[in-house]
Amino acid sequence: MTTSPRPLESVSVLFMFEEQVFAVQRQSYLLAFPGYHAFPGGKIDHDELSTPFKTKFLCDRDALLMRALQREISEELGYDLEKGILSGEVLSVSELAEALAPPFAPVRFRTWFYRVDLKERLNFKIDPGEFSSGFWSTPAELLKTYITGKSLMVPPARWVLDGLVNNPAATEFGDLSQDFSEGARIPTLEMLDGIPMLAVRSATLPPASRTNAFLLGDPGAAKILVDPSPDSEEEFQRLLNTIKDKLLDAIFLTHHHPDHHQFANLLARKLKVPIILSRDTRQRLTEKFGEVYFEQVELQFATENQEVTSWHGSAVRVYEIPGHDAGHLGLAPDSLDWFIVGDLIQGIGTVVISAPEGDMATYFATLKKVIALNPAVIIPSHGIPMRSTHRLQETLKHRQQRETQILTLHKSGKSKAEILEELYVGIDQRLYPLALKNIESHLLKLQKEKQINE
C-alpha cells in the first residue's frame, strides 16, 4: 500500500478588528484555489528562516511558522507584523486552528490559522498578483456569500468562520481536520454550496485517480447523481453507503468513458432510478457492452436546454459540449453561477481528444461556446471548481498554439513520432500514447481544413 507524502505546512492569518475579519478573493488565474474567498497566507518555504523572534506574541510560538507568517503578511498585505506588535497596533496573536487537507489532494497542506487582533481597522495593500480584492466583513456576512452560492471557499475556512459566528471572541478551535478515511464511505468535499463532490476512485488517466461524482438538487427538486464511476466492487459499496440516504431520482452521465459511467448501470438497477444520458453515449456503451448493459434500466435521453433539476431556485439545464466525446453533456443553472464541464478541461492532467469519439475542431468550437456563456465558476470532473472561464481560455489558447507548432513541424517533414519527441519533452513516457492521439487529432483537423495534405 502506498503512503501519502508528508503534507506541506502553511500559515493563514485572520486579522480581526472588533467582530470583523479581513478576507481576500484569490486571482482567478492562480493554479491553487483560483478565485476562492480565503485569508492571506501561504506555504512555508524550503529556505524559511527559523530564528526565534524576541517580540511578544511571536517569541513563544514555533519560530518557523512565525517567520512564515511574518513573511507572508509582508508580501501579500504590505504589513510588518512585528512592527505592528511593537507599536501597539496588534493586540494579540492566537493560534486559532489547524486543518489537514485530504490525502488525495494533488498537493496536501497542513494549514495553521492564526488570529491577529488589531487596535484599529487597517487598510492593507494587497498583492494584486495574488488577490483580486481584499475586504473587511463579519464572519456571518462572509459565510452568507458562500451559503447563497456566490463564493468558492475551502471547508477549513468555513469551519473557522462558523466558529467565529458562534463565538466571536474565540482564540482556539483546535484541530478542525475532516476525517477522510475511506473504510466505508466515499470522501466528500463541497467548495460551492449545494454541489457536494464525491471523490470516487475511478479508472481514469494519470495523474488523476478519481472522478468527481456530483450530487445536485434543491429540497423538493429532483436529486441527481452525476457520473458515479467506482473502479471496483469495494468502491461501489462505499458509494452505496455514501448515498443510501440521499433518495436519488436519477443518475446523469456526462459521456461514455469508463471513468464516468463504470457501475452506473448496476447502481441504477440497485436504486431503481433512470439514467439520463445522450443518445450517442447510449449507442457507444451498447456497442461496447451489448444491449444487456442497460437491461432493466430506464433510459432518458437528454438534449440541449432540458431541465433536470434546480439549484438555489435556478433551473439546471443540459448543455451539449462535444469535442472530447461526441455525446458529451454539461450542466449549468440558468443563473450561470457555475457550469459542470466534465472532461472539457482537466483540473488534473490534460484532456485527450481521440478519434473516433473526439474531434479537435468540435472541441475548439465547444470551448468557445462555454467561454461565450461566461459562467462564474467552472467545475471539472477531475480537480476542484475554479472561478471564471480563465482555464477554458488558456486551454483554447494552448491548443491553438500547439496546433501552430504541429503544422510547422509537419510541413518541415517531421513524422508524428518526431513531433511528439520535440513538443512533449519531459512528460511521463506512459503518457506518450495519449499525447500522440492529440497530435493525430490536430493533424486530422488541419487536413479537413486543407491546411495540409492527407
Protein backbone atom coordinates (compact mmCIF):
# COMPACT_ATOMS: atom_id res chain seq x y z
CA MET A 1 0.00 0.00 0.00
CA THR A 2 1.37 3.44 -0.93
CA THR A 3 1.54 6.14 1.70
CA SER A 4 0.75 9.80 1.19
CA PRO A 5 3.77 12.12 1.17
CA ARG A 6 4.29 14.25 4.24
CA PRO A 7 1.99 17.28 3.95
CA LEU A 8 3.45 20.71 3.34
CA GLU A 9 2.96 23.20 6.15
CA SER A 10 1.33 26.56 5.55
CA VAL A 11 0.03 29.50 7.54
CA SER A 12 -3.09 31.62 7.20
CA VAL A 13 -3.97 34.80 9.08
CA LEU A 14 -7.31 36.22 10.19
CA PHE A 15 -6.84 39.88 11.04
CA MET A 16 -9.69 40.85 13.38
CA PHE A 17 -10.97 44.25 14.41
CA GLU A 18 -13.86 44.03 16.86
CA GLU A 19 -16.13 41.49 15.11
CA GLN A 20 -14.86 42.00 11.57
CA VAL A 21 -12.33 39.83 9.73
CA PHE A 22 -10.12 40.72 6.77
CA ALA A 23 -10.60 38.37 3.82
CA VAL A 24 -9.38 38.20 0.23
CA GLN A 25 -10.50 36.83 -3.10
CA ARG A 26 -7.74 34.98 -4.90
CA GLN A 27 -6.99 35.76 -8.53
CA SER A 28 -8.83 33.51 -10.99
CA TYR A 29 -5.64 32.67 -12.88
CA LEU A 30 -3.87 31.10 -9.92
CA LEU A 31 -3.27 27.35 -10.08
CA ALA A 32 -4.18 26.84 -6.41
CA PHE A 33 -7.78 27.67 -5.46
CA PRO A 34 -8.46 30.11 -8.32
CA GLY A 35 -10.98 32.79 -7.41
CA TYR A 36 -11.63 31.42 -3.93
CA HIS A 37 -12.53 33.57 -0.93
CA ALA A 38 -9.82 32.96 1.64
CA PHE A 39 -7.47 34.52 4.17
CA PRO A 40 -3.95 35.77 3.44
CA GLY A 41 -1.12 33.29 3.89
CA GLY A 42 0.90 30.63 2.15
CA LYS A 43 3.27 27.69 2.47
CA ILE A 44 6.46 27.59 4.47
CA ASP A 45 9.38 27.96 2.04
CA HIS A 46 12.13 25.35 1.94
CA ASP A 47 14.64 28.05 2.93
CA GLU A 48 12.41 29.71 5.53
CA LEU A 49 14.28 31.39 8.39
CA SER A 50 13.87 29.64 11.73
CA THR A 51 15.47 32.24 14.00
CA PRO A 52 13.17 32.74 17.01
CA PHE A 53 11.54 36.13 17.48
CA LYS A 54 12.18 38.08 20.66
CA THR A 55 8.96 40.02 20.18
CA LYS A 56 5.97 39.25 22.42
CA PHE A 57 3.20 37.10 20.90
CA LEU A 58 5.75 35.63 18.44
CA CYS A 59 8.58 34.55 20.74
CA ASP A 60 6.64 31.77 22.44
CA ARG A 61 5.44 30.08 19.22
CA ASP A 62 7.06 27.85 16.61
CA ALA A 63 9.79 30.03 15.07
CA LEU A 64 9.44 28.57 11.57
CA LEU A 65 5.69 29.19 11.49
CA MET A 66 6.09 32.71 12.87
CA ARG A 67 8.77 33.57 10.31
CA ALA A 68 6.49 32.31 7.53
CA LEU A 69 3.58 34.30 8.95
CA GLN A 70 5.68 37.48 9.12
CA ARG A 71 6.95 37.00 5.56
CA GLU A 72 3.55 36.14 4.01
CA ILE A 73 1.84 39.13 5.65
CA SER A 74 4.59 41.42 4.38
CA GLU A 75 4.49 40.02 0.83
CA GLU A 76 0.72 39.83 0.44
CA LEU A 77 -0.53 42.75 2.55
CA GLY A 78 2.45 45.10 2.76
CA TYR A 79 2.28 44.98 6.54
CA ASP A 80 5.04 44.34 9.08
CA LEU A 81 3.53 42.18 11.82
CA GLU A 82 6.47 42.55 14.18
CA LYS A 83 6.41 46.36 13.91
CA GLY A 84 2.66 46.28 14.44
CA ILE A 85 3.17 44.40 17.70
CA LEU A 86 5.90 46.78 18.87
CA SER A 87 3.80 49.86 18.02
CA GLY A 88 0.73 48.55 19.83
CA GLU A 89 -1.39 48.17 16.67
CA VAL A 90 -1.50 44.40 17.25
CA LEU A 91 -3.27 43.49 20.50
CA SER A 92 -2.80 39.73 20.38
CA VAL A 93 -1.77 36.76 18.22
CA SER A 94 -3.54 33.44 18.78
CA GLU A 95 -3.13 30.03 17.16
CA LEU A 96 -6.78 29.69 16.21
CA ALA A 97 -6.94 26.33 14.43
CA GLU A 98 -5.24 23.83 12.20
CA ALA A 99 -6.57 21.72 9.35
CA LEU A 100 -5.12 18.96 7.17
CA ALA A 101 -6.12 18.60 3.50
CA PRO A 102 -7.42 15.20 2.29
CA PRO A 103 -4.81 12.57 1.35
CA PHE A 104 -5.97 12.53 -2.29
CA ALA A 105 -5.33 16.27 -2.81
CA PRO A 106 -2.77 16.85 -5.61
CA VAL A 107 -0.76 18.94 -3.14
CA ARG A 108 -1.51 18.29 0.51
CA PHE A 109 -1.20 21.06 3.09
CA ARG A 110 -1.48 21.26 6.84
CA THR A 111 -2.61 24.84 7.45
CA TRP A 112 -2.21 26.73 10.71
CA PHE A 113 -4.75 29.53 11.15
CA TYR A 114 -3.70 32.49 13.30
CA ARG A 115 -5.95 35.16 14.72
CA VAL A 116 -4.40 38.64 14.95
CA ASP A 117 -6.49 41.18 16.84
CA LEU A 118 -5.97 44.84 15.93
CA LYS A 119 -6.39 48.11 17.81
CA GLU A 120 -7.94 49.68 14.70
CA ARG A 121 -9.07 48.58 11.26
CA LEU A 122 -6.15 48.77 8.82
CA ASN A 123 -6.12 49.42 5.07
CA PHE A 124 -3.83 46.72 3.77
CA LYS A 125 -2.02 46.99 0.42
CA ILE A 126 -2.93 43.66 -1.13
CA ASP A 127 -0.66 41.99 -3.68
CA PRO A 128 -2.59 42.27 -6.99
CA GLY A 129 -0.71 39.28 -8.34
CA GLU A 130 -2.31 37.09 -5.66
CA PHE A 131 -5.63 38.74 -4.89
CA SER A 132 -8.32 40.43 -6.96
CA SER A 133 -9.74 42.08 -3.84
CA GLY A 134 -9.34 42.41 -0.08
CA PHE A 135 -12.12 43.49 2.25
CA TRP A 136 -13.38 43.64 5.82
CA SER A 137 -16.50 41.66 6.64
CA THR A 138 -18.18 40.00 9.57
CA PRO A 139 -17.81 36.19 9.58
CA ALA A 140 -21.60 35.89 9.13
CA GLU A 141 -21.59 38.15 6.06
CA LEU A 142 -18.68 36.26 4.54
CA LEU A 143 -20.36 32.92 5.15
CA LYS A 144 -23.53 34.26 3.54
CA THR A 145 -21.69 34.72 0.22
CA TYR A 146 -20.93 31.00 0.34
CA ILE A 147 -24.35 29.87 1.53
CA THR A 148 -26.03 31.79 -1.31
CA GLY A 149 -23.75 30.19 -3.90
CA LYS A 150 -21.81 33.35 -4.71
CA SER A 151 -18.36 32.36 -3.45
CA LEU A 152 -15.98 29.43 -3.52
CA MET A 153 -14.47 28.50 -0.18
CA VAL A 154 -12.48 25.55 1.14
CA PRO A 155 -14.08 23.72 4.08
CA PRO A 156 -11.50 24.73 6.74
CA ALA A 157 -12.09 28.43 6.03
CA ARG A 158 -15.83 27.87 6.53
CA TRP A 159 -15.29 25.91 9.73
CA VAL A 160 -13.22 28.76 11.18
CA LEU A 161 -15.87 31.29 10.17
CA ASP A 162 -18.62 29.11 11.66
CA GLY A 163 -16.70 29.02 14.91
CA LEU A 164 -16.35 32.81 14.95
CA VAL A 165 -20.06 33.29 14.25
CA ASN A 166 -20.85 31.15 17.29
CA ASN A 167 -18.09 32.65 19.44
CA PRO A 168 -16.65 35.95 18.16
CA ALA A 169 -14.06 36.09 20.94
CA ALA A 170 -12.75 32.56 20.33
CA THR A 171 -8.97 32.17 20.21
CA GLU A 172 -8.66 28.40 19.91
CA PHE A 173 -10.67 25.87 17.92
CA GLY A 174 -8.01 23.17 17.83
CA ASP A 175 -7.67 20.65 15.00
CA LEU A 176 -10.56 21.06 12.56
CA SER A 177 -9.34 18.42 10.09
CA GLN A 178 -12.08 16.37 8.47
CA ASP A 179 -11.91 12.59 8.66
CA PHE A 180 -11.23 11.42 5.11
CA SER A 181 -10.67 7.76 5.99
CA GLU A 182 -12.19 5.50 3.38
CA GLY A 183 -13.21 2.46 5.32
CA ALA A 184 -16.89 2.52 4.40
CA ARG A 185 -17.73 5.77 2.59
CA ILE A 186 -16.53 7.98 -0.25
CA PRO A 187 -14.85 11.20 0.95
CA THR A 188 -16.92 14.25 0.07
CA LEU A 189 -15.89 17.87 -0.46
CA GLU A 190 -18.03 20.95 -1.01
CA MET A 191 -16.37 24.09 -2.37
CA LEU A 192 -19.58 25.63 -3.76
CA ASP A 193 -22.76 25.46 -1.71
CA GLY A 194 -25.22 22.81 -2.88
CA ILE A 195 -22.71 20.90 -5.03
CA PRO A 196 -21.10 18.18 -2.91
CA MET A 197 -18.36 16.33 -4.80
CA LEU A 198 -17.86 12.64 -4.04
CA ALA A 199 -14.20 11.84 -4.75
CA VAL A 200 -14.73 8.41 -6.31
CA ARG A 201 -11.76 6.20 -7.14
CA SER A 202 -12.14 5.60 -10.86
CA ALA A 203 -10.48 4.04 -13.90
CA THR A 204 -9.24 7.41 -15.06
CA LEU A 205 -5.99 8.54 -16.67
CA PRO A 206 -2.94 9.61 -14.66
CA PRO A 207 -2.10 11.85 -12.95
CA ALA A 208 -5.77 11.85 -11.85
CA SER A 209 -7.01 8.89 -9.82
CA ARG A 210 -10.58 9.96 -9.04
CA THR A 211 -13.68 11.34 -10.72
CA ASN A 212 -15.96 13.88 -9.07
CA ALA A 213 -19.46 12.48 -8.71
CA PHE A 214 -21.76 15.45 -8.06
CA LEU A 215 -24.97 15.45 -6.02
CA LEU A 216 -27.41 18.06 -7.33
CA GLY A 217 -30.92 19.16 -6.44
CA ASP A 218 -32.70 21.69 -4.24
CA PRO A 219 -35.04 20.47 -1.50
CA GLY A 220 -38.19 19.38 -3.30
CA ALA A 221 -36.41 19.14 -6.68
CA ALA A 222 -35.11 16.02 -8.41
CA LYS A 223 -31.97 14.57 -6.78
CA ILE A 224 -29.38 13.82 -9.46
CA LEU A 225 -26.08 11.96 -9.12
CA VAL A 226 -23.66 12.91 -11.89
CA ASP A 227 -21.06 10.40 -13.16
CA PRO A 228 -20.88 7.69 -10.50
CA SER A 229 -17.87 5.67 -11.65
CA PRO A 230 -16.27 3.47 -8.98
CA ASP A 231 -13.37 1.36 -10.21
CA SER A 232 -14.07 -1.73 -8.10
CA GLU A 233 -16.71 -3.67 -6.20
CA GLU A 234 -15.28 -2.28 -2.96
CA GLU A 235 -15.54 1.32 -4.18
CA PHE A 236 -19.05 0.62 -5.48
CA GLN A 237 -20.08 -0.50 -1.99
CA ARG A 238 -18.55 2.65 -0.48
CA LEU A 239 -20.55 4.72 -2.95
CA LEU A 240 -23.75 2.90 -1.98
CA ASN A 241 -23.00 3.53 1.70
CA THR A 242 -22.44 7.22 0.99
CA ILE A 243 -25.64 7.87 -0.96
CA LYS A 244 -28.02 5.42 0.72
CA ASP A 245 -29.95 8.21 2.46
CA LYS A 246 -30.00 10.64 -0.49
CA LEU A 247 -33.22 9.36 -2.13
CA LEU A 248 -31.90 9.75 -5.68
CA ASP A 249 -34.29 10.37 -8.56
CA ALA A 250 -31.84 9.80 -11.42
CA ILE A 251 -28.25 9.20 -12.49
CA PHE A 252 -26.78 11.58 -15.06
CA LEU A 253 -23.87 10.59 -17.33
CA THR A 254 -21.79 13.30 -18.99
CA HIS A 255 -20.26 10.85 -21.50
CA HIS A 256 -19.34 7.24 -22.21
CA HIS A 257 -15.74 6.95 -20.98
CA PRO A 258 -15.21 4.36 -18.21
CA ASP A 259 -14.25 6.89 -15.53
CA HIS A 260 -17.69 8.48 -15.95
CA HIS A 261 -20.06 5.50 -16.22
CA GLN A 262 -18.49 2.43 -14.62
CA PHE A 263 -21.02 0.64 -12.39
CA ALA A 264 -23.68 3.29 -13.22
CA ASN A 265 -25.91 0.61 -14.74
CA LEU A 266 -25.64 -1.56 -11.61
CA LEU A 267 -26.31 1.44 -9.41
CA ALA A 268 -29.41 2.35 -11.44
CA ARG A 269 -30.76 -1.20 -11.11
CA LYS A 270 -29.95 -1.31 -7.40
CA LEU A 271 -31.67 2.02 -6.65
CA LYS A 272 -34.41 1.60 -9.31
CA VAL A 273 -33.72 5.02 -10.85
CA PRO A 274 -33.36 6.05 -14.51
CA ILE A 275 -30.15 7.09 -16.24
CA ILE A 276 -30.15 10.42 -18.09
CA LEU A 277 -27.65 10.45 -20.96
CA SER A 278 -27.18 11.41 -24.59
CA ARG A 279 -28.21 9.09 -27.40
CA ASP A 280 -24.60 8.97 -28.50
CA THR A 281 -23.48 7.76 -25.06
CA ARG A 282 -26.14 5.07 -25.09
CA GLN A 283 -25.07 3.93 -28.55
CA ARG A 284 -21.37 3.73 -27.70
CA LEU A 285 -21.95 1.84 -24.46
CA THR A 286 -24.27 -0.71 -26.07
CA GLU A 287 -21.83 -1.18 -28.97
CA LYS A 288 -19.10 -1.96 -26.45
CA PHE A 289 -21.02 -3.98 -23.85
CA GLY A 290 -24.17 -5.11 -25.66
CA GLU A 291 -27.84 -4.41 -25.00
CA VAL A 292 -27.53 -6.25 -21.70
CA TYR A 293 -25.61 -3.29 -20.27
CA PHE A 294 -28.81 -1.28 -19.83
CA GLU A 295 -31.09 -4.23 -19.17
CA GLN A 296 -33.84 -3.34 -16.64
CA VAL A 297 -32.68 0.29 -16.62
CA GLU A 298 -34.94 3.13 -17.72
CA LEU A 299 -33.09 5.48 -20.06
CA GLN A 300 -33.95 9.14 -20.55
CA PHE A 301 -32.26 10.87 -23.47
CA ALA A 302 -31.12 14.40 -22.67
CA THR A 303 -30.98 17.25 -25.17
CA GLU A 304 -29.80 20.86 -25.15
CA ASN A 305 -31.69 23.13 -22.73
CA GLN A 306 -33.54 20.29 -20.99
CA GLU A 307 -34.20 20.96 -17.30
CA VAL A 308 -33.11 18.15 -14.98
CA THR A 309 -33.26 19.72 -11.50
CA SER A 310 -32.74 23.07 -9.75
CA TRP A 311 -30.02 24.73 -7.65
CA HIS A 312 -30.68 27.71 -5.36
CA GLY A 313 -34.01 28.13 -7.15
CA SER A 314 -32.44 28.27 -10.62
CA ALA A 315 -33.31 25.61 -13.21
CA VAL A 316 -30.34 23.36 -14.02
CA ARG A 317 -30.20 22.59 -17.73
CA VAL A 318 -28.33 20.30 -20.10
CA TYR A 319 -25.71 21.66 -22.49
CA GLU A 320 -24.26 19.68 -25.38
CA ILE A 321 -20.48 20.08 -25.20
CA PRO A 322 -18.94 17.64 -27.73
CA GLY A 323 -15.30 17.54 -28.78
CA HIS A 324 -13.63 15.34 -26.17
CA ASP A 325 -16.51 12.94 -26.75
CA ALA A 326 -19.29 13.25 -29.33
CA GLY A 327 -22.06 12.68 -26.78
CA HIS A 328 -20.57 14.82 -24.03
CA LEU A 329 -23.10 16.73 -21.89
CA GLY A 330 -22.62 19.50 -19.36
CA LEU A 331 -24.91 21.06 -16.75
CA ALA A 332 -25.47 24.65 -15.62
CA PRO A 333 -28.17 26.65 -13.82
CA ASP A 334 -29.97 29.47 -15.62
CA SER A 335 -28.11 31.87 -13.33
CA LEU A 336 -24.83 30.57 -14.84
CA ASP A 337 -23.30 30.71 -11.38
CA TRP A 338 -21.47 27.51 -12.37
CA PHE A 339 -21.01 25.04 -15.21
CA ILE A 340 -20.16 21.36 -14.80
CA VAL A 341 -17.91 20.78 -17.82
CA GLY A 342 -16.98 17.12 -17.31
CA ASP A 343 -13.81 16.49 -19.31
CA LEU A 344 -13.93 19.67 -21.38
CA ILE A 345 -10.92 20.68 -19.30
CA GLN A 346 -8.96 18.94 -16.59
CA GLY A 347 -8.15 20.32 -13.18
CA ILE A 348 -5.62 17.47 -13.00
CA GLY A 349 -3.84 16.43 -16.19
CA THR A 350 -4.62 17.15 -19.85
CA VAL A 351 -7.70 16.46 -21.96
CA VAL A 352 -7.22 13.85 -24.68
CA ILE A 353 -9.03 14.33 -27.99
CA SER A 354 -9.09 10.91 -29.60
CA ALA A 355 -10.93 9.61 -32.68
CA PRO A 356 -13.50 8.29 -33.30
CA GLU A 357 -15.43 10.00 -30.48
CA GLY A 358 -13.15 13.02 -30.23
CA ASP A 359 -12.83 15.83 -32.77
CA MET A 360 -10.42 18.74 -32.38
CA ALA A 361 -12.40 21.25 -34.47
CA THR A 362 -15.55 20.46 -32.47
CA TYR A 363 -13.54 20.73 -29.26
CA PHE A 364 -12.39 24.23 -30.22
CA ALA A 365 -15.99 25.22 -31.01
CA THR A 366 -17.26 23.90 -27.68
CA LEU A 367 -14.59 25.75 -25.72
CA LYS A 368 -15.65 28.96 -27.48
CA LYS A 369 -19.32 28.20 -26.76
CA VAL A 370 -18.82 27.84 -23.00
CA ILE A 371 -16.44 30.81 -22.83
CA ALA A 372 -19.11 32.95 -24.53
CA LEU A 373 -21.68 31.86 -21.90
CA ASN A 374 -19.25 33.20 -19.27
CA PRO A 375 -20.28 31.08 -16.26
CA ALA A 376 -18.99 32.36 -12.94
CA VAL A 377 -17.45 29.03 -11.92
CA ILE A 378 -16.14 26.11 -13.97
CA ILE A 379 -16.42 22.65 -12.37
CA PRO A 380 -14.37 19.86 -13.98
CA SER A 381 -14.72 16.14 -13.38
CA HIS A 382 -11.11 15.91 -12.21
CA GLY A 383 -9.85 18.61 -9.86
CA ILE A 384 -11.62 21.39 -7.99
CA PRO A 385 -14.07 24.14 -9.04
CA MET A 386 -12.39 27.29 -10.36
CA ARG A 387 -13.74 30.81 -10.76
CA SER A 388 -14.18 32.36 -14.24
CA THR A 389 -13.52 30.90 -17.68
CA HIS A 390 -9.80 31.65 -17.42
CA ARG A 391 -8.77 27.97 -17.58
CA LEU A 392 -11.02 27.44 -20.61
CA GLN A 393 -9.47 30.42 -22.36
CA GLU A 394 -5.95 29.23 -21.54
CA THR A 395 -6.78 25.72 -22.75
CA LEU A 396 -8.07 27.06 -26.07
CA LYS A 397 -5.02 29.31 -26.45
CA HIS A 398 -2.67 26.42 -25.64
CA ARG A 399 -4.32 24.08 -28.12
CA GLN A 400 -4.23 26.76 -30.83
CA GLN A 401 -0.53 27.36 -30.16
CA ARG A 402 0.12 23.61 -30.15
CA GLU A 403 -1.65 23.30 -33.49
CA THR A 404 0.54 26.02 -35.00
CA GLN A 405 3.62 24.14 -33.78
CA ILE A 406 2.35 20.84 -35.19
CA LEU A 407 1.59 22.47 -38.54
CA THR A 408 5.09 23.95 -38.76
CA LEU A 409 6.80 20.70 -37.81
CA HIS A 410 4.64 18.64 -40.17
CA LYS A 411 5.45 20.97 -43.08
CA SER A 412 9.15 20.62 -42.26
CA GLY A 413 8.84 16.88 -42.86
CA LYS A 414 8.68 15.66 -39.26
CA SER A 415 6.84 12.41 -38.57
CA LYS A 416 4.23 12.14 -35.81
CA ALA A 417 6.77 10.40 -33.59
CA GLU A 418 9.32 13.17 -34.19
CA ILE A 419 6.69 15.85 -33.47
CA LEU A 420 5.92 14.02 -30.23
CA GLU A 421 9.58 13.99 -29.17
CA GLU A 422 10.03 17.67 -29.94
CA LEU A 423 6.81 19.01 -28.36
CA TYR A 424 6.40 16.82 -25.30
CA VAL A 425 9.87 16.96 -23.77
CA GLY A 426 9.98 15.75 -20.17
CA ILE A 427 6.48 14.24 -19.89
CA ASP A 428 5.94 10.82 -18.35
CA GLN A 429 6.58 8.31 -21.15
CA ARG A 430 3.44 6.43 -20.08
CA LEU A 431 1.52 9.42 -21.45
CA TYR A 432 3.16 9.30 -24.89
CA PRO A 433 0.28 7.33 -26.49
CA LEU A 434 -2.19 9.96 -25.24
CA ALA A 435 -0.06 12.85 -26.47
CA LEU A 436 0.20 11.11 -29.82
CA LYS A 437 -3.59 10.93 -30.03
CA ASN A 438 -3.80 14.70 -29.56
CA ILE A 439 -1.20 15.21 -32.31
CA GLU A 440 -3.19 12.95 -34.64
CA SER A 441 -6.39 14.87 -33.87
CA HIS A 442 -4.69 18.19 -34.68
CA LEU A 443 -3.36 16.76 -37.95
CA LEU A 444 -6.81 15.45 -38.89
CA LYS A 445 -8.31 18.89 -38.21
CA LEU A 446 -5.63 20.51 -40.38
CA GLN A 447 -6.36 18.01 -43.17
CA LYS A 448 -10.09 18.72 -43.08
CA GLU A 449 -9.32 22.43 -43.24
CA LYS A 450 -6.99 21.74 -46.22
CA GLN A 451 -4.03 23.32 -44.44
CA ILE A 452 -2.06 20.11 -45.06
CA ASN A 453 -2.39 17.22 -47.49
CA GLU A 454 -3.67 13.86 -46.37
